[in-house]
């Protein structure tokens, strides 16, 4: 899996991940690539190339994260890196707590002004997380806040949590946001 492909609206693609794979899927928006795969995206860019080859997307970007067959699959939808488009994950088949994690509201529409990322024409194209916006330990869960007893939800993470209760909204949001399944295929929907 060398990471990166262009999808048109309503287009689908099958991706086969190897056993034991861990990684993330995210969307990039407003991209322009040349025939060699070089270019840029307004959100989720990974170094100016179509094939990310292990590089993560530049926040803010909505994420679906997986750790496969360890021995269960673990998966989540995460806005810890911010939000760029609605995203959901649906297990197909399998057994265990194979829950849908659906998050189709467009959080850019009500994004707090201090978290907004705007395009050159002034349209909100992404919503930062508080860590990216303010770079303070209490928002980033770093330094003395680097544990679940001290790093708590903020009004900003609660904005994401209210819109999508089953998605990660901050670093220690595991209890309501991590799901497991065994023997499933997964549908990732960029809503």
N, C-alpha and C. Protein backbone atom coordinates (compact mmCIF):
# COMPACT_ATOMS: atom_id res chain seq x y z
N UNK A 1 0.85 -1.17 0.00
CA UNK A 1 0.00 0.00 0.00
C UNK A 1 0.89 1.23 0.00
N UNK A 2 0.99 1.88 -1.14
CA UNK A 2 1.90 3.03 -1.22
C UNK A 2 1.19 4.36 -1.05
N UNK A 3 -0.10 4.33 -0.77
CA UNK A 3 -0.82 5.50 -0.29
C UNK A 3 -1.00 6.64 -1.24
N UNK A 4 -2.16 6.72 -1.81
CA UNK A 4 -2.53 7.88 -2.60
C UNK A 4 -3.18 7.52 -3.91
N UNK A 5 -4.38 8.01 -4.08
CA UNK A 5 -5.09 7.83 -5.34
C UNK A 5 -6.14 8.91 -5.44
N UNK A 6 -6.57 9.18 -6.65
CA UNK A 6 -7.61 10.18 -6.89
C UNK A 6 -8.94 9.47 -7.06
N UNK A 7 -9.95 9.93 -6.35
CA UNK A 7 -11.31 9.41 -6.49
C UNK A 7 -12.22 10.53 -6.95
N UNK A 8 -13.05 10.23 -7.92
CA UNK A 8 -14.07 11.16 -8.36
C UNK A 8 -15.31 10.97 -7.49
N UNK A 9 -16.22 11.95 -7.42
CA UNK A 9 -17.45 11.76 -6.63
C UNK A 9 -18.18 10.47 -7.04
N UNK A 10 -18.62 9.72 -6.04
CA UNK A 10 -19.35 8.45 -6.18
C UNK A 10 -18.49 7.30 -6.71
N UNK A 11 -17.19 7.53 -6.90
CA UNK A 11 -16.28 6.47 -7.34
C UNK A 11 -15.87 5.62 -6.14
N UNK A 12 -15.68 4.33 -6.37
CA UNK A 12 -15.24 3.41 -5.32
C UNK A 12 -14.00 2.66 -5.78
N UNK A 13 -13.20 2.22 -4.83
CA UNK A 13 -12.02 1.43 -5.13
C UNK A 13 -11.84 0.41 -4.01
N UNK A 14 -11.39 -0.79 -4.37
CA UNK A 14 -11.07 -1.82 -3.38
C UNK A 14 -9.57 -1.75 -3.08
N UNK A 15 -9.24 -1.78 -1.80
CA UNK A 15 -7.85 -1.79 -1.36
C UNK A 15 -7.68 -2.99 -0.44
N UNK A 16 -6.69 -3.80 -0.71
CA UNK A 16 -6.40 -4.97 0.12
C UNK A 16 -5.21 -4.66 1.02
N UNK A 17 -5.48 -4.60 2.31
CA UNK A 17 -4.41 -4.33 3.28
C UNK A 17 -3.84 -5.66 3.76
N UNK A 18 -2.53 -5.74 3.93
CA UNK A 18 -1.93 -6.98 4.43
C UNK A 18 -2.27 -7.22 5.90
N UNK A 19 -2.26 -8.47 6.30
CA UNK A 19 -2.49 -8.84 7.69
C UNK A 19 -1.48 -8.11 8.57
N UNK A 20 -1.94 -7.58 9.69
CA UNK A 20 -1.06 -6.87 10.60
C UNK A 20 -0.84 -5.40 10.27
N UNK A 21 -1.47 -4.92 9.21
CA UNK A 21 -1.27 -3.53 8.78
C UNK A 21 -1.89 -2.55 9.77
N UNK A 22 -1.19 -1.47 10.04
CA UNK A 22 -1.71 -0.34 10.80
C UNK A 22 -1.51 0.91 9.97
N UNK A 23 -2.52 1.74 9.96
CA UNK A 23 -2.39 2.98 9.20
C UNK A 23 -3.67 3.77 9.21
N UNK A 24 -3.67 4.79 8.39
CA UNK A 24 -4.80 5.71 8.35
C UNK A 24 -5.17 6.06 6.92
N UNK A 25 -6.44 6.37 6.76
CA UNK A 25 -6.97 6.87 5.51
C UNK A 25 -7.50 8.27 5.77
N UNK A 26 -7.30 9.17 4.82
CA UNK A 26 -7.84 10.51 4.92
C UNK A 26 -8.08 11.02 3.51
N UNK A 27 -8.86 12.06 3.43
CA UNK A 27 -9.11 12.66 2.12
C UNK A 27 -8.27 13.92 1.99
N UNK A 28 -7.94 14.18 0.76
CA UNK A 28 -7.31 15.45 0.41
C UNK A 28 -8.30 16.18 -0.48
N UNK A 29 -8.34 17.48 -0.39
CA UNK A 29 -9.31 18.24 -1.17
C UNK A 29 -8.62 19.31 -2.00
N UNK A 30 -9.32 19.71 -3.05
CA UNK A 30 -8.85 20.75 -3.97
C UNK A 30 -7.42 20.47 -4.43
N UNK A 31 -7.24 19.27 -4.98
CA UNK A 31 -5.91 18.83 -5.41
C UNK A 31 -5.71 19.07 -6.90
N UNK A 32 -4.48 19.32 -7.25
CA UNK A 32 -4.04 19.39 -8.65
C UNK A 32 -2.72 18.66 -8.75
N UNK A 33 -2.71 17.57 -9.55
CA UNK A 33 -1.49 16.79 -9.76
C UNK A 33 -1.18 16.73 -11.25
N UNK A 34 0.11 16.75 -11.58
CA UNK A 34 0.49 16.58 -12.98
C UNK A 34 0.61 15.09 -13.29
N UNK A 35 1.00 14.76 -14.48
CA UNK A 35 1.07 13.35 -14.91
C UNK A 35 2.15 12.56 -14.19
N UNK A 36 3.09 13.24 -13.53
CA UNK A 36 4.13 12.54 -12.77
C UNK A 36 3.73 12.32 -11.31
N UNK A 37 2.54 12.81 -10.92
CA UNK A 37 2.08 12.65 -9.54
C UNK A 37 2.55 13.74 -8.60
N UNK A 38 3.05 14.84 -9.14
CA UNK A 38 3.45 15.97 -8.30
C UNK A 38 2.35 17.02 -8.35
N UNK A 39 2.15 17.67 -7.20
CA UNK A 39 1.12 18.70 -7.13
C UNK A 39 0.85 19.07 -5.69
N UNK A 40 -0.29 19.70 -5.46
CA UNK A 40 -0.65 20.13 -4.12
C UNK A 40 -2.14 19.94 -3.87
N UNK A 41 -2.48 19.94 -2.60
CA UNK A 41 -3.88 19.87 -2.16
C UNK A 41 -4.10 20.97 -1.13
N UNK A 42 -5.30 21.52 -1.10
CA UNK A 42 -5.62 22.57 -0.13
C UNK A 42 -5.70 21.99 1.28
N UNK A 43 -6.19 20.74 1.42
CA UNK A 43 -6.23 20.09 2.73
C UNK A 43 -5.72 18.66 2.60
N UNK A 44 -5.07 18.18 3.65
CA UNK A 44 -4.60 16.79 3.70
C UNK A 44 -3.38 16.50 2.85
N UNK A 45 -2.70 17.50 2.34
CA UNK A 45 -1.54 17.30 1.47
C UNK A 45 -0.46 16.48 2.19
N UNK A 46 0.30 15.71 1.42
CA UNK A 46 1.36 14.88 2.03
C UNK A 46 2.69 15.12 1.34
N UNK A 47 3.07 16.37 1.22
CA UNK A 47 4.38 16.68 0.67
C UNK A 47 4.39 16.94 -0.82
N UNK A 48 3.23 17.27 -1.38
CA UNK A 48 3.20 17.65 -2.79
C UNK A 48 3.26 16.50 -3.77
N UNK A 49 2.90 15.29 -3.32
CA UNK A 49 2.90 14.13 -4.21
C UNK A 49 1.59 13.36 -4.06
N UNK A 50 1.19 12.67 -5.12
CA UNK A 50 -0.02 11.85 -5.08
C UNK A 50 0.19 10.62 -4.20
N UNK A 51 1.32 9.93 -4.36
CA UNK A 51 1.64 8.73 -3.58
C UNK A 51 2.36 9.15 -2.30
N UNK A 52 1.64 9.07 -1.18
CA UNK A 52 2.20 9.56 0.10
C UNK A 52 3.34 8.68 0.63
N UNK A 53 3.37 7.39 0.27
CA UNK A 53 4.45 6.49 0.67
C UNK A 53 4.79 6.56 2.15
N UNK A 54 3.76 6.51 3.00
CA UNK A 54 3.97 6.49 4.44
C UNK A 54 3.94 7.85 5.11
N UNK A 55 4.00 8.92 4.32
CA UNK A 55 3.90 10.26 4.92
C UNK A 55 2.46 10.53 5.30
N UNK A 56 2.25 11.14 6.44
CA UNK A 56 0.90 11.49 6.86
C UNK A 56 0.42 12.76 6.17
N UNK A 57 -0.88 12.95 6.21
CA UNK A 57 -1.46 14.17 5.67
C UNK A 57 -1.24 15.34 6.62
N UNK A 58 -1.06 16.50 6.06
CA UNK A 58 -0.89 17.70 6.87
C UNK A 58 -2.25 18.08 7.45
N UNK A 59 -2.34 18.22 8.78
CA UNK A 59 -3.61 18.61 9.39
C UNK A 59 -4.02 20.03 8.96
N UNK A 60 -5.31 20.30 9.01
CA UNK A 60 -6.40 19.46 9.48
C UNK A 60 -6.86 18.47 8.42
N UNK A 61 -7.17 17.26 8.88
CA UNK A 61 -7.69 16.21 8.00
C UNK A 61 -8.48 15.21 8.84
N UNK A 62 -9.65 14.84 8.35
CA UNK A 62 -10.47 13.80 8.98
C UNK A 62 -9.82 12.45 8.71
N UNK A 63 -9.80 11.57 9.70
CA UNK A 63 -9.08 10.29 9.58
C UNK A 63 -9.97 9.09 9.87
N UNK A 64 -9.67 7.97 9.19
CA UNK A 64 -10.09 6.64 9.63
C UNK A 64 -8.80 5.89 9.90
N UNK A 65 -8.67 5.30 11.09
CA UNK A 65 -7.45 4.62 11.50
C UNK A 65 -7.73 3.15 11.75
N UNK A 66 -6.78 2.29 11.35
CA UNK A 66 -6.92 0.85 11.51
C UNK A 66 -5.66 0.23 12.09
N UNK A 67 -5.83 -0.80 12.89
CA UNK A 67 -4.80 -1.79 13.21
C UNK A 67 -5.48 -3.13 12.96
N UNK A 68 -4.98 -3.87 11.97
CA UNK A 68 -5.68 -5.06 11.49
C UNK A 68 -5.09 -6.35 12.04
N UNK A 69 -5.97 -7.24 12.48
CA UNK A 69 -5.65 -8.61 12.86
C UNK A 69 -4.58 -8.69 13.94
N UNK A 70 -4.92 -8.13 15.09
CA UNK A 70 -3.94 -8.17 16.17
C UNK A 70 -4.51 -8.69 17.50
N UNK A 71 -5.22 -9.79 17.62
CA UNK A 71 -5.88 -10.60 16.60
C UNK A 71 -7.21 -10.00 16.13
N UNK A 72 -7.73 -9.02 16.86
CA UNK A 72 -8.92 -8.31 16.40
C UNK A 72 -8.48 -7.11 15.57
N UNK A 73 -9.40 -6.60 14.76
CA UNK A 73 -9.17 -5.33 14.08
C UNK A 73 -9.62 -4.21 15.01
N UNK A 74 -8.81 -3.18 15.12
CA UNK A 74 -9.18 -1.98 15.85
C UNK A 74 -9.35 -0.87 14.83
N UNK A 75 -10.39 -0.06 14.98
CA UNK A 75 -10.61 1.02 14.02
C UNK A 75 -11.31 2.19 14.70
N UNK A 76 -11.16 3.36 14.10
CA UNK A 76 -11.82 4.56 14.62
C UNK A 76 -11.90 5.62 13.54
N UNK A 77 -12.79 6.57 13.75
CA UNK A 77 -12.82 7.83 13.01
C UNK A 77 -12.25 8.87 13.97
N UNK A 78 -11.37 9.72 13.47
CA UNK A 78 -10.68 10.65 14.35
C UNK A 78 -10.67 12.07 13.78
N UNK A 79 -10.94 13.02 14.69
CA UNK A 79 -10.78 14.44 14.37
C UNK A 79 -9.70 15.06 15.25
N UNK A 80 -8.82 14.21 15.79
CA UNK A 80 -7.69 14.69 16.59
C UNK A 80 -6.77 15.55 15.73
N UNK A 81 -6.71 15.27 14.42
CA UNK A 81 -5.94 16.09 13.48
C UNK A 81 -6.81 17.15 12.81
N UNK A 82 -8.00 17.41 13.35
CA UNK A 82 -8.91 18.37 12.75
C UNK A 82 -9.88 17.70 11.79
N UNK A 83 -10.58 18.51 11.00
CA UNK A 83 -11.64 18.04 10.11
C UNK A 83 -11.50 18.73 8.76
N UNK A 84 -11.62 17.92 7.68
CA UNK A 84 -11.73 18.56 6.37
C UNK A 84 -12.99 18.12 5.63
N UNK A 85 -13.37 16.85 5.72
CA UNK A 85 -14.63 16.41 5.12
C UNK A 85 -15.28 15.35 6.01
N UNK A 86 -16.60 15.19 5.88
CA UNK A 86 -17.28 14.13 6.63
C UNK A 86 -16.75 12.76 6.20
N UNK A 87 -16.64 11.84 7.16
CA UNK A 87 -16.07 10.52 6.89
C UNK A 87 -16.70 9.50 7.84
N UNK A 88 -16.92 8.30 7.34
CA UNK A 88 -17.52 7.23 8.14
C UNK A 88 -16.85 5.91 7.79
N UNK A 89 -16.96 4.93 8.69
CA UNK A 89 -16.45 3.58 8.42
C UNK A 89 -17.53 2.58 8.83
N UNK A 90 -17.74 1.60 7.93
CA UNK A 90 -18.77 0.58 8.14
C UNK A 90 -18.13 -0.80 8.00
N UNK A 91 -18.11 -1.61 9.06
CA UNK A 91 -17.66 -3.00 8.92
C UNK A 91 -18.68 -3.79 8.10
N UNK A 92 -18.20 -4.62 7.22
CA UNK A 92 -19.05 -5.48 6.39
C UNK A 92 -18.77 -6.91 6.80
N UNK A 93 -19.74 -7.55 7.43
CA UNK A 93 -19.53 -8.90 7.94
C UNK A 93 -18.72 -8.85 9.23
N UNK A 94 -18.08 -9.95 9.53
CA UNK A 94 -17.25 -10.01 10.73
C UNK A 94 -18.08 -10.25 11.98
N UNK A 95 -17.40 -10.35 13.10
CA UNK A 95 -18.08 -10.57 14.38
C UNK A 95 -17.33 -9.83 15.48
N UNK A 96 -18.02 -9.63 16.59
CA UNK A 96 -17.50 -8.81 17.68
C UNK A 96 -18.33 -7.54 17.75
N UNK A 97 -17.73 -6.50 18.28
CA UNK A 97 -18.42 -5.21 18.39
C UNK A 97 -18.23 -4.42 17.09
N UNK A 98 -18.75 -4.95 16.01
CA UNK A 98 -18.53 -4.39 14.67
C UNK A 98 -19.47 -3.20 14.42
N UNK A 99 -19.22 -2.11 15.10
CA UNK A 99 -20.10 -0.95 15.05
C UNK A 99 -19.78 -0.05 13.86
N UNK A 100 -20.84 0.55 13.33
CA UNK A 100 -20.67 1.62 12.35
C UNK A 100 -20.17 2.85 13.08
N UNK A 101 -19.28 3.58 12.47
CA UNK A 101 -18.87 4.88 12.99
C UNK A 101 -19.21 5.88 11.90
N UNK A 102 -20.38 6.45 12.04
CA UNK A 102 -20.90 7.34 11.00
C UNK A 102 -20.75 8.78 11.44
N UNK A 103 -20.15 9.58 10.56
CA UNK A 103 -19.98 11.00 10.86
C UNK A 103 -20.11 11.80 9.57
N UNK A 104 -21.34 12.08 9.20
CA UNK A 104 -21.58 12.78 7.94
C UNK A 104 -21.92 14.27 8.05
N UNK A 105 -22.03 14.86 9.25
CA UNK A 105 -22.24 16.31 9.28
C UNK A 105 -21.00 17.04 8.74
N UNK A 106 -21.23 18.12 8.02
CA UNK A 106 -20.13 18.94 7.54
C UNK A 106 -19.78 19.96 8.62
N UNK A 107 -18.78 19.65 9.41
CA UNK A 107 -18.41 20.50 10.54
C UNK A 107 -17.76 21.81 10.10
N UNK A 108 -17.40 21.93 8.83
CA UNK A 108 -16.88 23.20 8.35
C UNK A 108 -17.95 24.29 8.39
N UNK A 109 -19.22 23.90 8.30
CA UNK A 109 -20.30 24.87 8.23
C UNK A 109 -20.46 25.66 9.53
N UNK A 110 -20.16 25.05 10.67
CA UNK A 110 -20.31 25.71 11.97
C UNK A 110 -18.99 25.80 12.73
N UNK A 111 -17.89 25.61 12.04
CA UNK A 111 -16.58 25.61 12.69
C UNK A 111 -16.34 26.94 13.42
N UNK A 112 -15.91 26.88 14.68
CA UNK A 112 -15.60 28.13 15.39
C UNK A 112 -14.58 28.95 14.59
N UNK A 113 -14.77 30.24 14.55
CA UNK A 113 -13.95 31.11 13.72
C UNK A 113 -12.46 30.92 13.97
N UNK A 114 -12.08 30.74 15.23
CA UNK A 114 -10.66 30.63 15.56
C UNK A 114 -10.03 29.31 15.09
N UNK A 115 -10.86 28.36 14.64
CA UNK A 115 -10.35 27.08 14.13
C UNK A 115 -10.44 26.98 12.61
N UNK A 116 -11.03 27.96 11.96
CA UNK A 116 -11.30 27.87 10.52
C UNK A 116 -10.04 27.97 9.67
N UNK A 117 -10.03 27.15 8.61
CA UNK A 117 -9.05 27.27 7.53
C UNK A 117 -9.85 27.66 6.31
N UNK A 118 -9.45 28.75 5.67
CA UNK A 118 -10.21 29.26 4.53
C UNK A 118 -9.41 29.17 3.24
N UNK A 119 -10.14 28.98 2.15
CA UNK A 119 -9.52 29.00 0.82
C UNK A 119 -9.27 30.45 0.42
N UNK A 120 -8.61 30.64 -0.70
CA UNK A 120 -8.30 32.00 -1.15
C UNK A 120 -9.56 32.82 -1.43
N UNK A 121 -10.69 32.14 -1.70
CA UNK A 121 -11.94 32.86 -1.93
C UNK A 121 -12.76 33.04 -0.65
N UNK A 122 -12.19 32.69 0.51
CA UNK A 122 -12.84 32.93 1.78
C UNK A 122 -13.77 31.83 2.27
N UNK A 123 -13.86 30.73 1.54
CA UNK A 123 -14.72 29.62 1.96
C UNK A 123 -14.00 28.77 3.00
N UNK A 124 -14.72 28.34 4.05
CA UNK A 124 -14.13 27.46 5.06
C UNK A 124 -13.95 26.07 4.45
N UNK A 125 -12.70 25.60 4.39
CA UNK A 125 -12.40 24.30 3.77
C UNK A 125 -11.93 23.26 4.79
N UNK A 126 -11.68 23.70 6.02
CA UNK A 126 -11.25 22.77 7.06
C UNK A 126 -11.43 23.44 8.42
N UNK A 127 -11.43 22.59 9.44
CA UNK A 127 -11.59 23.05 10.82
C UNK A 127 -10.44 22.46 11.63
N UNK A 128 -9.54 23.30 12.12
CA UNK A 128 -8.40 22.84 12.90
C UNK A 128 -8.85 22.26 14.23
N UNK A 129 -8.01 21.42 14.80
CA UNK A 129 -8.21 21.07 16.21
C UNK A 129 -7.57 22.18 17.04
N UNK A 130 -7.88 22.21 18.34
CA UNK A 130 -7.37 23.29 19.19
C UNK A 130 -5.86 23.25 19.33
N UNK A 131 -5.27 22.06 19.29
CA UNK A 131 -3.81 21.96 19.39
C UNK A 131 -3.15 22.69 18.23
N UNK A 132 -3.63 22.43 17.02
CA UNK A 132 -3.06 23.08 15.84
C UNK A 132 -3.31 24.59 15.87
N UNK A 133 -4.48 25.00 16.34
CA UNK A 133 -4.82 26.42 16.35
C UNK A 133 -4.05 27.21 17.41
N UNK A 134 -3.87 26.63 18.60
CA UNK A 134 -3.31 27.39 19.72
C UNK A 134 -1.95 26.91 20.22
N UNK A 135 -1.57 25.67 19.89
CA UNK A 135 -0.29 25.08 20.28
C UNK A 135 0.00 25.24 21.78
N UNK A 136 -0.99 24.86 22.60
CA UNK A 136 -0.83 24.91 24.06
C UNK A 136 -0.94 23.50 24.62
N UNK A 137 -0.13 23.17 25.65
CA UNK A 137 -0.13 21.81 26.20
C UNK A 137 -1.51 21.29 26.59
N UNK A 138 -2.37 22.14 27.14
CA UNK A 138 -3.68 21.67 27.57
C UNK A 138 -4.57 21.24 26.40
N UNK A 139 -4.29 21.77 25.19
CA UNK A 139 -5.03 21.36 24.01
C UNK A 139 -4.34 20.22 23.27
N UNK A 140 -3.02 20.14 23.42
CA UNK A 140 -2.23 19.12 22.70
C UNK A 140 -2.00 17.85 23.53
N UNK A 141 -2.40 17.87 24.79
CA UNK A 141 -2.15 16.74 25.71
C UNK A 141 -0.66 16.43 25.79
N UNK A 142 0.13 17.48 25.95
CA UNK A 142 1.59 17.35 26.07
C UNK A 142 2.03 17.91 27.42
N UNK A 143 3.32 17.74 27.70
CA UNK A 143 3.95 18.21 28.94
C UNK A 143 3.16 17.69 30.14
N UNK A 144 2.77 18.55 31.07
CA UNK A 144 2.08 18.08 32.27
C UNK A 144 0.67 17.55 31.98
N UNK A 145 0.16 17.77 30.77
CA UNK A 145 -1.17 17.29 30.38
C UNK A 145 -1.09 15.98 29.60
N UNK A 146 0.07 15.33 29.60
CA UNK A 146 0.26 14.11 28.80
C UNK A 146 -0.21 12.86 29.54
N UNK A 147 -1.43 12.89 30.05
CA UNK A 147 -2.05 11.70 30.64
C UNK A 147 -3.56 11.93 30.71
N UNK A 148 -4.34 10.86 30.74
CA UNK A 148 -5.80 11.02 30.68
C UNK A 148 -6.41 11.69 31.90
N UNK A 149 -5.70 11.73 33.02
CA UNK A 149 -6.23 12.40 34.20
C UNK A 149 -6.14 13.92 34.11
N UNK A 150 -5.20 14.40 33.31
CA UNK A 150 -5.01 15.85 33.20
C UNK A 150 -5.49 16.42 31.87
N UNK A 151 -5.47 15.62 30.82
CA UNK A 151 -5.92 16.11 29.51
C UNK A 151 -7.40 15.78 29.38
N UNK A 152 -8.22 16.79 29.43
CA UNK A 152 -9.68 16.62 29.42
C UNK A 152 -10.27 17.25 28.15
N UNK A 153 -11.51 16.90 27.84
CA UNK A 153 -12.16 17.55 26.70
C UNK A 153 -12.24 19.07 26.91
N UNK A 154 -12.15 19.80 25.83
CA UNK A 154 -12.27 21.25 25.86
C UNK A 154 -13.53 21.64 25.09
N UNK A 155 -13.87 22.91 25.11
CA UNK A 155 -15.04 23.34 24.34
C UNK A 155 -14.83 23.07 22.86
N UNK A 156 -13.57 23.05 22.42
CA UNK A 156 -13.30 22.79 21.01
C UNK A 156 -13.45 21.31 20.67
N UNK A 157 -12.89 20.43 21.50
CA UNK A 157 -13.06 19.00 21.23
C UNK A 157 -14.53 18.61 21.38
N UNK A 158 -15.25 19.27 22.28
CA UNK A 158 -16.67 18.98 22.46
C UNK A 158 -17.49 19.39 21.25
N UNK A 159 -17.03 20.38 20.49
CA UNK A 159 -17.69 20.74 19.23
C UNK A 159 -17.69 19.53 18.29
N UNK A 160 -16.53 18.87 18.15
CA UNK A 160 -16.43 17.69 17.30
C UNK A 160 -17.23 16.52 17.88
N UNK A 161 -17.15 16.33 19.19
CA UNK A 161 -17.82 15.20 19.84
C UNK A 161 -19.34 15.32 19.74
N UNK A 162 -19.86 16.52 19.87
CA UNK A 162 -21.30 16.72 19.76
C UNK A 162 -21.79 16.35 18.36
N UNK A 163 -21.03 16.72 17.34
CA UNK A 163 -21.42 16.41 15.96
C UNK A 163 -21.29 14.93 15.65
N UNK A 164 -20.28 14.27 16.21
CA UNK A 164 -19.99 12.86 15.92
C UNK A 164 -19.60 12.15 17.21
N UNK A 165 -20.57 11.68 17.99
CA UNK A 165 -20.30 11.12 19.32
C UNK A 165 -19.39 9.90 19.35
N UNK A 166 -19.28 9.15 18.24
CA UNK A 166 -18.44 7.95 18.22
C UNK A 166 -17.05 8.18 17.65
N UNK A 167 -16.72 9.42 17.35
CA UNK A 167 -15.41 9.74 16.77
C UNK A 167 -14.48 10.33 17.83
N UNK A 168 -13.17 10.10 17.65
CA UNK A 168 -12.17 10.72 18.52
C UNK A 168 -12.24 12.23 18.37
N UNK A 169 -12.27 12.92 19.50
CA UNK A 169 -12.28 14.37 19.46
C UNK A 169 -11.04 14.98 20.13
N UNK A 170 -10.34 14.16 20.93
CA UNK A 170 -9.08 14.59 21.54
C UNK A 170 -8.28 13.33 21.87
N UNK A 171 -7.04 13.49 22.28
CA UNK A 171 -6.10 12.36 22.39
C UNK A 171 -6.57 11.23 23.29
N UNK A 172 -7.27 11.51 24.37
CA UNK A 172 -7.66 10.45 25.31
C UNK A 172 -9.15 10.12 25.25
N UNK A 173 -9.69 10.13 24.06
CA UNK A 173 -11.11 9.88 23.84
C UNK A 173 -11.38 8.41 23.51
N UNK A 174 -10.51 7.51 23.97
CA UNK A 174 -10.56 6.09 23.61
C UNK A 174 -11.87 5.39 23.99
N UNK A 175 -12.40 5.66 25.17
CA UNK A 175 -13.51 4.88 25.71
C UNK A 175 -14.74 4.88 24.81
N UNK A 176 -15.01 5.98 24.14
CA UNK A 176 -16.21 6.06 23.29
C UNK A 176 -15.89 6.06 21.81
N UNK A 177 -14.62 5.82 21.45
CA UNK A 177 -14.23 6.07 20.07
C UNK A 177 -13.43 4.97 19.40
N UNK A 178 -13.00 3.94 20.12
CA UNK A 178 -12.25 2.83 19.52
C UNK A 178 -13.18 1.63 19.41
N UNK A 179 -13.17 0.99 18.24
CA UNK A 179 -14.06 -0.14 17.98
C UNK A 179 -13.26 -1.34 17.52
N UNK A 180 -13.81 -2.53 17.73
CA UNK A 180 -13.14 -3.77 17.33
C UNK A 180 -14.08 -4.63 16.51
N UNK A 181 -13.47 -5.44 15.67
CA UNK A 181 -14.21 -6.38 14.84
C UNK A 181 -13.22 -7.44 14.38
N UNK A 182 -13.69 -8.61 14.03
CA UNK A 182 -12.81 -9.66 13.52
C UNK A 182 -13.42 -10.23 12.25
N UNK A 183 -12.58 -10.42 11.25
CA UNK A 183 -13.01 -11.07 10.02
C UNK A 183 -13.88 -10.22 9.12
N UNK A 184 -13.80 -8.91 9.23
CA UNK A 184 -14.65 -8.02 8.43
C UNK A 184 -13.88 -7.38 7.28
N UNK A 185 -14.63 -6.95 6.29
CA UNK A 185 -14.15 -5.98 5.32
C UNK A 185 -14.69 -4.64 5.82
N UNK A 186 -14.15 -3.55 5.30
CA UNK A 186 -14.57 -2.23 5.78
C UNK A 186 -14.87 -1.32 4.60
N UNK A 187 -15.95 -0.58 4.73
CA UNK A 187 -16.31 0.45 3.76
C UNK A 187 -16.01 1.79 4.42
N UNK A 188 -15.15 2.56 3.78
CA UNK A 188 -14.87 3.93 4.22
C UNK A 188 -15.64 4.83 3.28
N UNK A 189 -16.46 5.68 3.86
CA UNK A 189 -17.30 6.57 3.06
C UNK A 189 -16.90 8.00 3.34
N UNK A 190 -16.46 8.68 2.29
CA UNK A 190 -16.24 10.12 2.37
C UNK A 190 -17.57 10.74 1.99
N UNK A 191 -18.35 11.14 3.01
CA UNK A 191 -19.75 11.54 2.82
C UNK A 191 -19.88 12.79 1.96
